[in-house]
Amino acid sequence: MHSAMQMNKDDLRKTKPSRDEYLQKPKLPLIVVLDNVTNSYNIGSFIRLADAFAIEKIIVCGELTISDKKLRKASRNEAKWVTVEYSDSTTTSLQALLDENYTVFSVELCHESVDYKEVSYPQASVLVLGNERKGVSEAALKLSHHQIHIPMFGMGNSLNVSTAGAIVLAECASQVRKLG
């Protein structure tokens, strides 16, 4: 294999571990719960994010009307590397994670929420992201230890759910990785 200094950008983009090397890598004890996220592209984007940050798994909750074709396109086939679970109930999934001593953070702008950068994320963290229009459900918020938000400085007060997830996941994964 060439050293990174000798490889051009195209070669670097194509470099990846073998399947066996990948499967032996430990995953971060970090789970993303999608609370009634319905858009195939958003779910596919989260699968790519889960692969990029090597997190434990994604749990997709609620009624699914996912287009397999759109999901494959958005996830760029990373779904074969990422553990994705499907659940009818966000609250049941969150309760099971609470029983396993995960700390639950809901990404939602509300009166109790704090800046996502001002939080210390422990190992065994869960990030809950909500529906594209309605956000995180009240039931999921009640089961959360913390509500966090991304400060907004423009005219809008929200981001696309996969964009928001990428921002918060990068911070959370960085902190959890330092603890490990």
N, C-alpha and C. Protein backbone atom coordinates (compact mmCIF):
# COMPACT_ATOMS: atom_id res chain seq x y z
N MET A 1 0.85 -1.17 0.00
CA MET A 1 0.00 0.00 0.00
C MET A 1 0.89 1.24 0.00
N HIS A 2 0.48 2.27 -0.70
CA HIS A 2 1.20 3.53 -0.74
C HIS A 2 0.96 4.32 0.53
N SER A 3 1.93 5.12 0.93
CA SER A 3 1.68 6.00 2.07
C SER A 3 0.71 7.08 1.64
N ALA A 4 0.02 7.67 2.62
CA ALA A 4 -0.97 8.71 2.32
C ALA A 4 -0.33 9.90 1.63
N MET A 5 0.92 10.17 1.92
CA MET A 5 1.60 11.31 1.30
C MET A 5 1.81 11.09 -0.20
N GLN A 6 1.93 9.84 -0.64
CA GLN A 6 2.18 9.55 -2.04
C GLN A 6 0.90 9.39 -2.85
N MET A 7 -0.22 9.25 -2.18
CA MET A 7 -1.48 9.01 -2.88
C MET A 7 -2.15 10.33 -3.24
N ASN A 8 -2.77 10.36 -4.42
CA ASN A 8 -3.51 11.57 -4.78
C ASN A 8 -4.90 11.51 -4.15
N LYS A 9 -5.65 12.59 -4.27
CA LYS A 9 -6.95 12.67 -3.61
C LYS A 9 -7.92 11.60 -4.10
N ASP A 10 -7.88 11.26 -5.37
CA ASP A 10 -8.77 10.23 -5.89
C ASP A 10 -8.46 8.86 -5.29
N ASP A 11 -7.15 8.56 -5.15
CA ASP A 11 -6.76 7.30 -4.53
C ASP A 11 -7.17 7.26 -3.06
N LEU A 12 -7.00 8.38 -2.36
CA LEU A 12 -7.38 8.43 -0.95
C LEU A 12 -8.87 8.21 -0.77
N ARG A 13 -9.68 8.75 -1.67
CA ARG A 13 -11.14 8.59 -1.56
C ARG A 13 -11.56 7.14 -1.77
N LYS A 14 -10.77 6.39 -2.53
CA LYS A 14 -11.11 4.99 -2.83
C LYS A 14 -10.53 4.02 -1.80
N THR A 15 -9.61 4.49 -0.95
CA THR A 15 -8.97 3.62 0.03
C THR A 15 -9.94 3.31 1.16
N LYS A 16 -10.13 2.05 1.44
CA LYS A 16 -10.96 1.64 2.56
C LYS A 16 -10.47 0.30 3.07
N PRO A 17 -10.82 -0.02 4.31
CA PRO A 17 -10.37 -1.29 4.87
C PRO A 17 -11.06 -2.46 4.19
N SER A 18 -10.47 -3.63 4.34
CA SER A 18 -11.12 -4.83 3.84
C SER A 18 -12.36 -5.09 4.70
N ARG A 19 -13.24 -5.94 4.21
CA ARG A 19 -14.45 -6.28 4.96
C ARG A 19 -14.09 -6.83 6.33
N ASP A 20 -13.11 -7.72 6.40
CA ASP A 20 -12.71 -8.31 7.69
C ASP A 20 -12.13 -7.24 8.62
N GLU A 21 -11.30 -6.35 8.08
CA GLU A 21 -10.74 -5.27 8.90
C GLU A 21 -11.86 -4.39 9.46
N TYR A 22 -12.81 -4.08 8.61
CA TYR A 22 -13.92 -3.23 9.03
C TYR A 22 -14.73 -3.90 10.14
N LEU A 23 -15.05 -5.19 9.96
CA LEU A 23 -15.88 -5.89 10.94
C LEU A 23 -15.18 -6.05 12.28
N GLN A 24 -13.86 -6.01 12.29
CA GLN A 24 -13.10 -6.14 13.54
C GLN A 24 -12.95 -4.81 14.28
N LYS A 25 -13.21 -3.71 13.60
CA LYS A 25 -13.09 -2.41 14.25
C LYS A 25 -14.22 -2.24 15.27
N PRO A 26 -13.87 -1.74 16.46
CA PRO A 26 -14.94 -1.51 17.44
C PRO A 26 -15.82 -0.33 17.03
N LYS A 27 -17.08 -0.43 17.35
CA LYS A 27 -18.02 0.66 17.07
C LYS A 27 -18.14 1.54 18.31
N LEU A 28 -18.41 2.82 18.09
CA LEU A 28 -18.65 3.72 19.21
C LEU A 28 -19.95 3.34 19.90
N PRO A 29 -19.99 3.40 21.23
CA PRO A 29 -21.24 3.11 21.94
C PRO A 29 -22.20 4.29 21.83
N LEU A 30 -22.62 4.51 20.62
CA LEU A 30 -23.45 5.66 20.28
C LEU A 30 -24.53 5.16 19.33
N ILE A 31 -25.78 5.51 19.65
CA ILE A 31 -26.92 5.06 18.85
C ILE A 31 -27.72 6.27 18.41
N VAL A 32 -28.18 6.24 17.16
CA VAL A 32 -29.08 7.27 16.65
C VAL A 32 -30.47 6.65 16.55
N VAL A 33 -31.44 7.32 17.16
CA VAL A 33 -32.84 6.90 17.08
C VAL A 33 -33.57 7.92 16.23
N LEU A 34 -34.17 7.46 15.16
CA LEU A 34 -34.95 8.33 14.27
C LEU A 34 -36.42 8.18 14.63
N ASP A 35 -36.97 9.23 15.23
CA ASP A 35 -38.33 9.23 15.74
C ASP A 35 -39.30 9.67 14.64
N ASN A 36 -39.85 8.70 13.93
CA ASN A 36 -40.80 8.95 12.85
C ASN A 36 -40.23 9.78 11.71
N VAL A 37 -38.94 9.63 11.43
CA VAL A 37 -38.34 10.23 10.24
C VAL A 37 -38.81 9.39 9.07
N THR A 38 -39.41 10.03 8.07
CA THR A 38 -40.07 9.27 7.01
C THR A 38 -39.40 9.39 5.64
N ASN A 39 -38.52 10.34 5.46
CA ASN A 39 -37.93 10.58 4.15
C ASN A 39 -36.78 9.60 3.89
N SER A 40 -36.87 8.87 2.79
CA SER A 40 -35.85 7.87 2.45
C SER A 40 -34.46 8.49 2.33
N TYR A 41 -34.39 9.68 1.76
CA TYR A 41 -33.08 10.33 1.61
C TYR A 41 -32.49 10.67 2.98
N ASN A 42 -33.32 11.13 3.90
CA ASN A 42 -32.81 11.44 5.24
C ASN A 42 -32.34 10.17 5.95
N ILE A 43 -33.10 9.11 5.86
CA ILE A 43 -32.69 7.85 6.49
C ILE A 43 -31.40 7.35 5.85
N GLY A 44 -31.32 7.41 4.53
CA GLY A 44 -30.09 7.01 3.84
C GLY A 44 -28.90 7.86 4.27
N SER A 45 -29.12 9.15 4.45
CA SER A 45 -28.04 10.04 4.91
C SER A 45 -27.57 9.62 6.30
N PHE A 46 -28.49 9.25 7.17
CA PHE A 46 -28.09 8.80 8.51
C PHE A 46 -27.31 7.50 8.45
N ILE A 47 -27.64 6.64 7.52
CA ILE A 47 -26.87 5.40 7.36
C ILE A 47 -25.43 5.74 6.97
N ARG A 48 -25.27 6.68 6.06
CA ARG A 48 -23.91 7.11 5.67
C ARG A 48 -23.18 7.72 6.86
N LEU A 49 -23.87 8.53 7.64
CA LEU A 49 -23.26 9.13 8.82
C LEU A 49 -22.87 8.06 9.83
N ALA A 50 -23.73 7.07 10.04
CA ALA A 50 -23.42 6.00 10.98
C ALA A 50 -22.16 5.26 10.55
N ASP A 51 -22.01 5.04 9.27
CA ASP A 51 -20.80 4.40 8.76
C ASP A 51 -19.59 5.31 8.93
N ALA A 52 -19.73 6.58 8.58
CA ALA A 52 -18.61 7.51 8.65
C ALA A 52 -18.06 7.64 10.07
N PHE A 53 -18.95 7.65 11.06
CA PHE A 53 -18.52 7.82 12.45
C PHE A 53 -18.38 6.49 13.20
N ALA A 54 -18.65 5.39 12.52
CA ALA A 54 -18.53 4.04 13.10
C ALA A 54 -19.30 3.91 14.41
N ILE A 55 -20.60 4.27 14.35
CA ILE A 55 -21.41 4.17 15.55
C ILE A 55 -22.06 2.79 15.64
N GLU A 56 -22.58 2.49 16.81
CA GLU A 56 -23.13 1.17 17.10
C GLU A 56 -24.29 0.80 16.17
N LYS A 57 -25.29 1.69 16.08
CA LYS A 57 -26.43 1.37 15.22
C LYS A 57 -27.36 2.56 15.09
N ILE A 58 -28.31 2.40 14.17
CA ILE A 58 -29.43 3.33 13.98
C ILE A 58 -30.70 2.54 14.24
N ILE A 59 -31.65 3.18 14.94
CA ILE A 59 -32.97 2.58 15.12
C ILE A 59 -33.97 3.51 14.44
N VAL A 60 -34.63 3.00 13.43
CA VAL A 60 -35.63 3.76 12.68
C VAL A 60 -36.99 3.39 13.25
N CYS A 61 -37.68 4.38 13.83
CA CYS A 61 -38.94 4.12 14.54
C CYS A 61 -40.13 4.73 13.82
N GLY A 62 -41.26 4.03 13.89
CA GLY A 62 -42.50 4.53 13.33
C GLY A 62 -42.90 3.78 12.09
N GLU A 63 -44.00 4.22 11.50
CA GLU A 63 -44.48 3.62 10.26
C GLU A 63 -43.55 3.97 9.12
N LEU A 64 -43.13 2.98 8.40
CA LEU A 64 -42.15 3.21 7.33
C LEU A 64 -42.82 3.17 5.96
N THR A 65 -42.52 4.16 5.19
CA THR A 65 -42.97 4.21 3.79
C THR A 65 -41.73 4.48 2.95
N ILE A 66 -40.72 3.67 3.18
CA ILE A 66 -39.41 3.90 2.58
C ILE A 66 -39.34 3.29 1.19
N SER A 67 -38.78 4.05 0.28
CA SER A 67 -38.49 3.56 -1.06
C SER A 67 -37.09 2.93 -1.02
N ASP A 68 -37.02 1.62 -1.28
CA ASP A 68 -35.73 0.94 -1.27
C ASP A 68 -34.75 1.57 -2.25
N LYS A 69 -35.24 1.95 -3.42
CA LYS A 69 -34.37 2.55 -4.43
C LYS A 69 -33.78 3.87 -3.92
N LYS A 70 -34.61 4.74 -3.36
CA LYS A 70 -34.13 6.02 -2.82
C LYS A 70 -33.20 5.80 -1.65
N LEU A 71 -33.53 4.84 -0.79
CA LEU A 71 -32.68 4.55 0.37
C LEU A 71 -31.31 4.07 -0.06
N ARG A 72 -31.26 3.16 -1.02
CA ARG A 72 -29.96 2.67 -1.52
C ARG A 72 -29.16 3.80 -2.14
N LYS A 73 -29.83 4.66 -2.90
CA LYS A 73 -29.14 5.78 -3.54
C LYS A 73 -28.57 6.73 -2.49
N ALA A 74 -29.36 7.08 -1.50
CA ALA A 74 -28.92 8.02 -0.47
C ALA A 74 -27.85 7.43 0.43
N SER A 75 -27.93 6.14 0.74
CA SER A 75 -26.96 5.53 1.64
C SER A 75 -25.70 5.06 0.93
N ARG A 76 -25.73 5.08 -0.42
CA ARG A 76 -24.59 4.65 -1.23
C ARG A 76 -24.09 3.27 -0.81
N ASN A 77 -25.03 2.40 -0.46
CA ASN A 77 -24.77 1.00 -0.11
C ASN A 77 -24.04 0.81 1.22
N GLU A 78 -23.88 1.87 2.02
CA GLU A 78 -23.27 1.69 3.33
C GLU A 78 -24.16 0.89 4.26
N ALA A 79 -25.43 0.70 3.90
CA ALA A 79 -26.36 -0.06 4.74
C ALA A 79 -25.83 -1.47 5.00
N LYS A 80 -25.04 -2.00 4.10
CA LYS A 80 -24.51 -3.35 4.33
C LYS A 80 -23.46 -3.38 5.44
N TRP A 81 -22.96 -2.20 5.85
CA TRP A 81 -21.95 -2.11 6.89
C TRP A 81 -22.53 -1.63 8.22
N VAL A 82 -23.71 -1.07 8.19
CA VAL A 82 -24.28 -0.41 9.36
C VAL A 82 -25.41 -1.26 9.92
N THR A 83 -25.47 -1.34 11.24
CA THR A 83 -26.58 -2.03 11.88
C THR A 83 -27.77 -1.08 11.92
N VAL A 84 -28.84 -1.46 11.24
CA VAL A 84 -30.07 -0.68 11.22
C VAL A 84 -31.18 -1.56 11.75
N GLU A 85 -31.85 -1.07 12.80
CA GLU A 85 -32.99 -1.78 13.35
C GLU A 85 -34.25 -0.97 13.05
N TYR A 86 -35.35 -1.65 12.94
CA TYR A 86 -36.63 -1.00 12.71
C TYR A 86 -37.55 -1.32 13.88
N SER A 87 -38.29 -0.29 14.33
CA SER A 87 -39.16 -0.44 15.48
C SER A 87 -40.47 0.30 15.22
N ASP A 88 -41.56 -0.27 15.68
CA ASP A 88 -42.85 0.41 15.56
C ASP A 88 -42.99 1.54 16.57
N SER A 89 -42.20 1.49 17.65
CA SER A 89 -42.40 2.41 18.76
C SER A 89 -41.10 3.06 19.23
N THR A 90 -41.03 4.37 19.13
CA THR A 90 -39.88 5.11 19.63
C THR A 90 -39.76 4.93 21.14
N THR A 91 -40.88 5.05 21.85
CA THR A 91 -40.81 4.98 23.31
C THR A 91 -40.35 3.60 23.80
N THR A 92 -40.81 2.55 23.16
CA THR A 92 -40.36 1.20 23.54
C THR A 92 -38.86 1.05 23.30
N SER A 93 -38.38 1.55 22.17
CA SER A 93 -36.95 1.48 21.86
C SER A 93 -36.13 2.30 22.85
N LEU A 94 -36.60 3.50 23.16
CA LEU A 94 -35.87 4.35 24.11
C LEU A 94 -35.88 3.74 25.51
N GLN A 95 -36.99 3.17 25.92
CA GLN A 95 -37.04 2.55 27.25
C GLN A 95 -36.05 1.39 27.35
N ALA A 96 -35.94 0.60 26.29
CA ALA A 96 -34.97 -0.50 26.28
C ALA A 96 -33.54 0.04 26.41
N LEU A 97 -33.24 1.15 25.73
CA LEU A 97 -31.91 1.74 25.82
C LEU A 97 -31.67 2.34 27.20
N LEU A 98 -32.68 2.95 27.80
CA LEU A 98 -32.57 3.47 29.17
C LEU A 98 -32.29 2.33 30.14
N ASP A 99 -32.94 1.20 29.93
CA ASP A 99 -32.72 0.02 30.78
C ASP A 99 -31.29 -0.50 30.66
N GLU A 100 -30.63 -0.19 29.53
CA GLU A 100 -29.24 -0.59 29.32
C GLU A 100 -28.27 0.52 29.73
N ASN A 101 -28.80 1.54 30.42
CA ASN A 101 -28.00 2.65 30.96
C ASN A 101 -27.42 3.59 29.91
N TYR A 102 -28.09 3.74 28.79
CA TYR A 102 -27.71 4.76 27.82
C TYR A 102 -28.22 6.11 28.31
N THR A 103 -27.52 7.17 27.97
CA THR A 103 -27.96 8.53 28.24
C THR A 103 -28.59 9.06 26.96
N VAL A 104 -29.82 9.57 27.07
CA VAL A 104 -30.60 9.95 25.89
C VAL A 104 -30.63 11.47 25.73
N PHE A 105 -30.24 11.91 24.54
CA PHE A 105 -30.23 13.33 24.17
C PHE A 105 -31.18 13.50 22.99
N SER A 106 -32.21 14.34 23.15
CA SER A 106 -33.10 14.63 22.02
C SER A 106 -32.67 15.95 21.40
N VAL A 107 -32.54 15.94 20.08
CA VAL A 107 -32.17 17.14 19.34
C VAL A 107 -33.46 17.85 18.98
N GLU A 108 -33.81 18.87 19.79
CA GLU A 108 -35.07 19.57 19.62
C GLU A 108 -34.99 20.93 20.30
N LEU A 109 -35.37 21.96 19.60
CA LEU A 109 -35.42 23.30 20.17
C LEU A 109 -36.67 23.39 21.05
N CYS A 110 -36.47 23.55 22.35
CA CYS A 110 -37.58 23.70 23.29
C CYS A 110 -37.07 24.51 24.49
N HIS A 111 -37.94 24.80 25.43
CA HIS A 111 -37.56 25.64 26.58
C HIS A 111 -36.43 25.04 27.39
N GLU A 112 -36.36 23.73 27.47
CA GLU A 112 -35.34 23.06 28.29
C GLU A 112 -34.05 22.78 27.52
N SER A 113 -34.03 23.01 26.22
CA SER A 113 -32.86 22.61 25.43
C SER A 113 -31.69 23.56 25.64
N VAL A 114 -30.49 22.97 25.51
CA VAL A 114 -29.24 23.72 25.62
C VAL A 114 -28.43 23.52 24.34
N ASP A 115 -27.48 24.39 24.13
CA ASP A 115 -26.58 24.30 22.98
C ASP A 115 -25.88 22.94 22.98
N TYR A 116 -25.92 22.25 21.86
CA TYR A 116 -25.34 20.90 21.76
C TYR A 116 -23.85 20.88 22.08
N LYS A 117 -23.15 22.00 21.93
CA LYS A 117 -21.71 22.06 22.22
C LYS A 117 -21.43 22.23 23.71
N GLU A 118 -22.44 22.57 24.49
CA GLU A 118 -22.26 22.79 25.92
C GLU A 118 -22.55 21.54 26.75
N VAL A 119 -22.71 20.42 26.09
CA VAL A 119 -23.07 19.17 26.75
C VAL A 119 -21.86 18.23 26.74
N SER A 120 -21.71 17.49 27.84
CA SER A 120 -20.71 16.42 27.87
C SER A 120 -21.42 15.11 27.56
N TYR A 121 -21.04 14.51 26.45
CA TYR A 121 -21.66 13.26 26.02
C TYR A 121 -20.87 12.09 26.61
N PRO A 122 -21.52 11.24 27.39
CA PRO A 122 -20.82 10.08 27.95
C PRO A 122 -20.76 8.93 26.94
N GLN A 123 -19.96 7.94 27.29
CA GLN A 123 -20.05 6.71 26.50
C GLN A 123 -21.47 6.21 26.67
N ALA A 124 -21.94 5.42 25.77
CA ALA A 124 -23.31 4.90 25.79
C ALA A 124 -24.32 6.04 25.70
N SER A 125 -24.23 6.81 24.64
CA SER A 125 -25.15 7.92 24.38
C SER A 125 -26.10 7.57 23.25
N VAL A 126 -27.29 8.17 23.32
CA VAL A 126 -28.30 8.04 22.27
C VAL A 126 -28.67 9.44 21.81
N LEU A 127 -28.70 9.64 20.50
CA LEU A 127 -29.19 10.89 19.92
C LEU A 127 -30.54 10.58 19.27
N VAL A 128 -31.57 11.32 19.67
CA VAL A 128 -32.90 11.16 19.09
C VAL A 128 -33.15 12.35 18.17
N LEU A 129 -33.49 12.06 16.94
CA LEU A 129 -33.84 13.09 15.97
C LEU A 129 -35.24 12.81 15.47
N GLY A 130 -35.99 13.89 15.26
CA GLY A 130 -37.41 13.72 15.01
C GLY A 130 -37.86 13.93 13.58
N ASN A 131 -39.13 13.74 13.44
CA ASN A 131 -39.82 13.87 12.16
C ASN A 131 -39.51 15.20 11.49
N GLU A 132 -39.45 15.18 10.17
CA GLU A 132 -39.07 16.33 9.37
C GLU A 132 -39.95 17.56 9.63
N ARG A 133 -41.21 17.37 9.95
CA ARG A 133 -42.12 18.50 10.17
C ARG A 133 -42.44 18.73 11.65
N LYS A 134 -42.59 17.66 12.40
CA LYS A 134 -43.05 17.78 13.78
C LYS A 134 -41.94 17.73 14.82
N GLY A 135 -40.73 17.33 14.42
CA GLY A 135 -39.64 17.21 15.39
C GLY A 135 -39.76 15.96 16.23
N VAL A 136 -39.05 15.98 17.37
CA VAL A 136 -39.07 14.84 18.29
C VAL A 136 -40.41 14.85 19.02
N SER A 137 -41.02 13.69 19.13
CA SER A 137 -42.33 13.57 19.78
C SER A 137 -42.24 13.91 21.27
N GLU A 138 -43.37 14.36 21.81
CA GLU A 138 -43.44 14.68 23.24
C GLU A 138 -43.09 13.45 24.09
N ALA A 139 -43.56 12.28 23.67
CA ALA A 139 -43.28 11.06 24.42
C ALA A 139 -41.78 10.77 24.47
N ALA A 140 -41.08 10.99 23.35
CA ALA A 140 -39.63 10.77 23.32
C ALA A 140 -38.91 11.82 24.16
N LEU A 141 -39.38 13.06 24.10
CA LEU A 141 -38.77 14.13 24.92
C LEU A 141 -38.87 13.79 26.40
N LYS A 142 -39.99 13.23 26.82
CA LYS A 142 -40.19 12.88 28.24
C LYS A 142 -39.23 11.78 28.69
N LEU A 143 -38.80 10.93 27.77
CA LEU A 143 -37.87 9.85 28.12
C LEU A 143 -36.40 10.29 28.01
N SER A 144 -36.17 11.48 27.53
CA SER A 144 -34.81 11.96 27.33
C SER A 144 -34.22 12.55 28.61
N HIS A 145 -32.94 12.32 28.79
CA HIS A 145 -32.23 12.96 29.89
C HIS A 145 -31.99 14.44 29.61
N HIS A 146 -31.72 14.75 28.33
CA HIS A 146 -31.37 16.12 27.93
C HIS A 146 -32.01 16.45 26.59
N GLN A 147 -32.37 17.73 26.43
CA GLN A 147 -32.79 18.24 25.14
C GLN A 147 -31.71 19.22 24.68
N ILE A 148 -31.27 19.06 23.44
CA ILE A 148 -30.19 19.90 22.92
C ILE A 148 -30.64 20.52 21.60
N HIS A 149 -30.01 21.64 21.25
CA HIS A 149 -30.34 22.29 19.98
C HIS A 149 -29.08 22.88 19.37
N ILE A 150 -29.19 23.20 18.10
CA ILE A 150 -28.12 23.87 17.36
C ILE A 150 -28.50 25.34 17.30
N PRO A 151 -27.66 26.23 17.82
CA PRO A 151 -27.99 27.66 17.74
C PRO A 151 -28.11 28.09 16.28
N MET A 152 -29.11 28.89 16.00
CA MET A 152 -29.35 29.38 14.65
C MET A 152 -29.17 30.90 14.65
N PHE A 153 -28.46 31.42 13.65
CA PHE A 153 -28.15 32.85 13.60
C PHE A 153 -28.77 33.55 12.40
N GLY A 154 -29.44 32.79 11.55
CA GLY A 154 -30.10 33.37 10.38
C GLY A 154 -31.58 33.57 10.66
N MET A 155 -32.33 33.71 9.61
CA MET A 155 -33.78 33.91 9.73
C MET A 155 -34.52 32.62 10.04
N GLY A 156 -34.00 31.50 9.59
CA GLY A 156 -34.65 30.21 9.84
C GLY A 156 -34.38 29.74 11.26
N ASN A 157 -35.24 28.86 11.76
CA ASN A 157 -35.02 28.32 13.10
C ASN A 157 -34.83 26.81 13.11
N SER A 158 -34.61 26.23 11.92
CA SER A 158 -34.38 24.79 11.88
C SER A 158 -33.55 24.42 10.66
N LEU A 159 -33.01 23.20 10.71
CA LEU A 159 -32.24 22.62 9.62
C LEU A 159 -32.90 21.32 9.19
N ASN A 160 -32.55 20.84 8.02
CA ASN A 160 -32.96 19.51 7.60
C ASN A 160 -32.48 18.52 8.66
N VAL A 161 -33.27 17.50 8.95
CA VAL A 161 -32.96 16.57 10.03
C VAL A 161 -31.62 15.86 9.82
N SER A 162 -31.27 15.51 8.60
CA SER A 162 -29.98 14.84 8.41
C SER A 162 -28.81 15.82 8.54
N THR A 163 -29.03 17.08 8.19
CA THR A 163 -27.99 18.10 8.40
C THR A 163 -27.78 18.33 9.89
N ALA A 164 -28.86 18.50 10.61
CA ALA A 164 -28.77 18.67 12.06
C ALA A 164 -28.11 17.45 12.70
N GLY A 165 -28.49 16.27 12.24
CA GLY A 165 -27.89 15.05 12.77
C GLY A 165 -26.39 15.00 12.54
N ALA A 166 -25.95 15.41 11.36
CA ALA A 166 -24.51 15.40 11.05
C ALA A 166 -23.75 16.32 11.99
N ILE A 167 -24.29 17.50 12.23
CA ILE A 167 -23.62 18.47 13.08
C ILE A 167 -23.49 17.94 14.51
N VAL A 168 -24.58 17.48 15.07
CA VAL A 168 -24.57 17.01 16.46
C VAL A 168 -23.80 15.70 16.58
N LEU A 169 -23.96 14.82 15.61
CA LEU A 169 -23.26 13.53 15.65
C LEU A 169 -21.75 13.72 15.61
N ALA A 170 -21.27 14.68 14.85
CA ALA A 170 -19.82 14.94 14.79
C ALA A 170 -19.29 15.32 16.17
N GLU A 171 -19.98 16.20 16.87
CA GLU A 171 -19.55 16.61 18.21
C GLU A 171 -19.65 15.46 19.20
N CYS A 172 -20.78 14.78 19.20
CA CYS A 172 -20.99 13.68 20.13
C CYS A 172 -19.97 12.56 19.91
N ALA A 173 -19.78 12.17 18.66
CA ALA A 173 -18.83 11.09 18.34
C ALA A 173 -17.41 11.48 18.73
N SER A 174 -17.04 12.73 18.53
CA SER A 174 -15.72 13.20 18.90
C SER A 174 -15.51 13.07 20.41
N GLN A 175 -16.48 13.50 21.19
CA GLN A 175 -16.37 13.41 22.63
C GLN A 175 -16.33 11.95 23.11
N VAL A 176 -17.21 11.12 22.58
CA VAL A 176 -17.25 9.72 22.98
C VAL A 176 -15.95 9.01 22.60
N ARG A 177 -15.42 9.31 21.43
CA ARG A 177 -14.17 8.71 20.98
C ARG A 177 -13.03 9.06 21.94
N LYS A 178 -12.99 10.28 22.44
CA LYS A 178 -11.94 10.70 23.38
C LYS A 178 -12.05 9.96 24.71
N LEU A 179 -13.27 9.57 25.09
CA LEU A 179 -13.46 8.84 26.35
C LEU A 179 -12.97 7.40 26.24
N GLY A 180 -13.03 6.87 25.01
CA GLY A 180 -12.69 5.46 24.80
C GLY A 180 -11.25 5.25 24.77
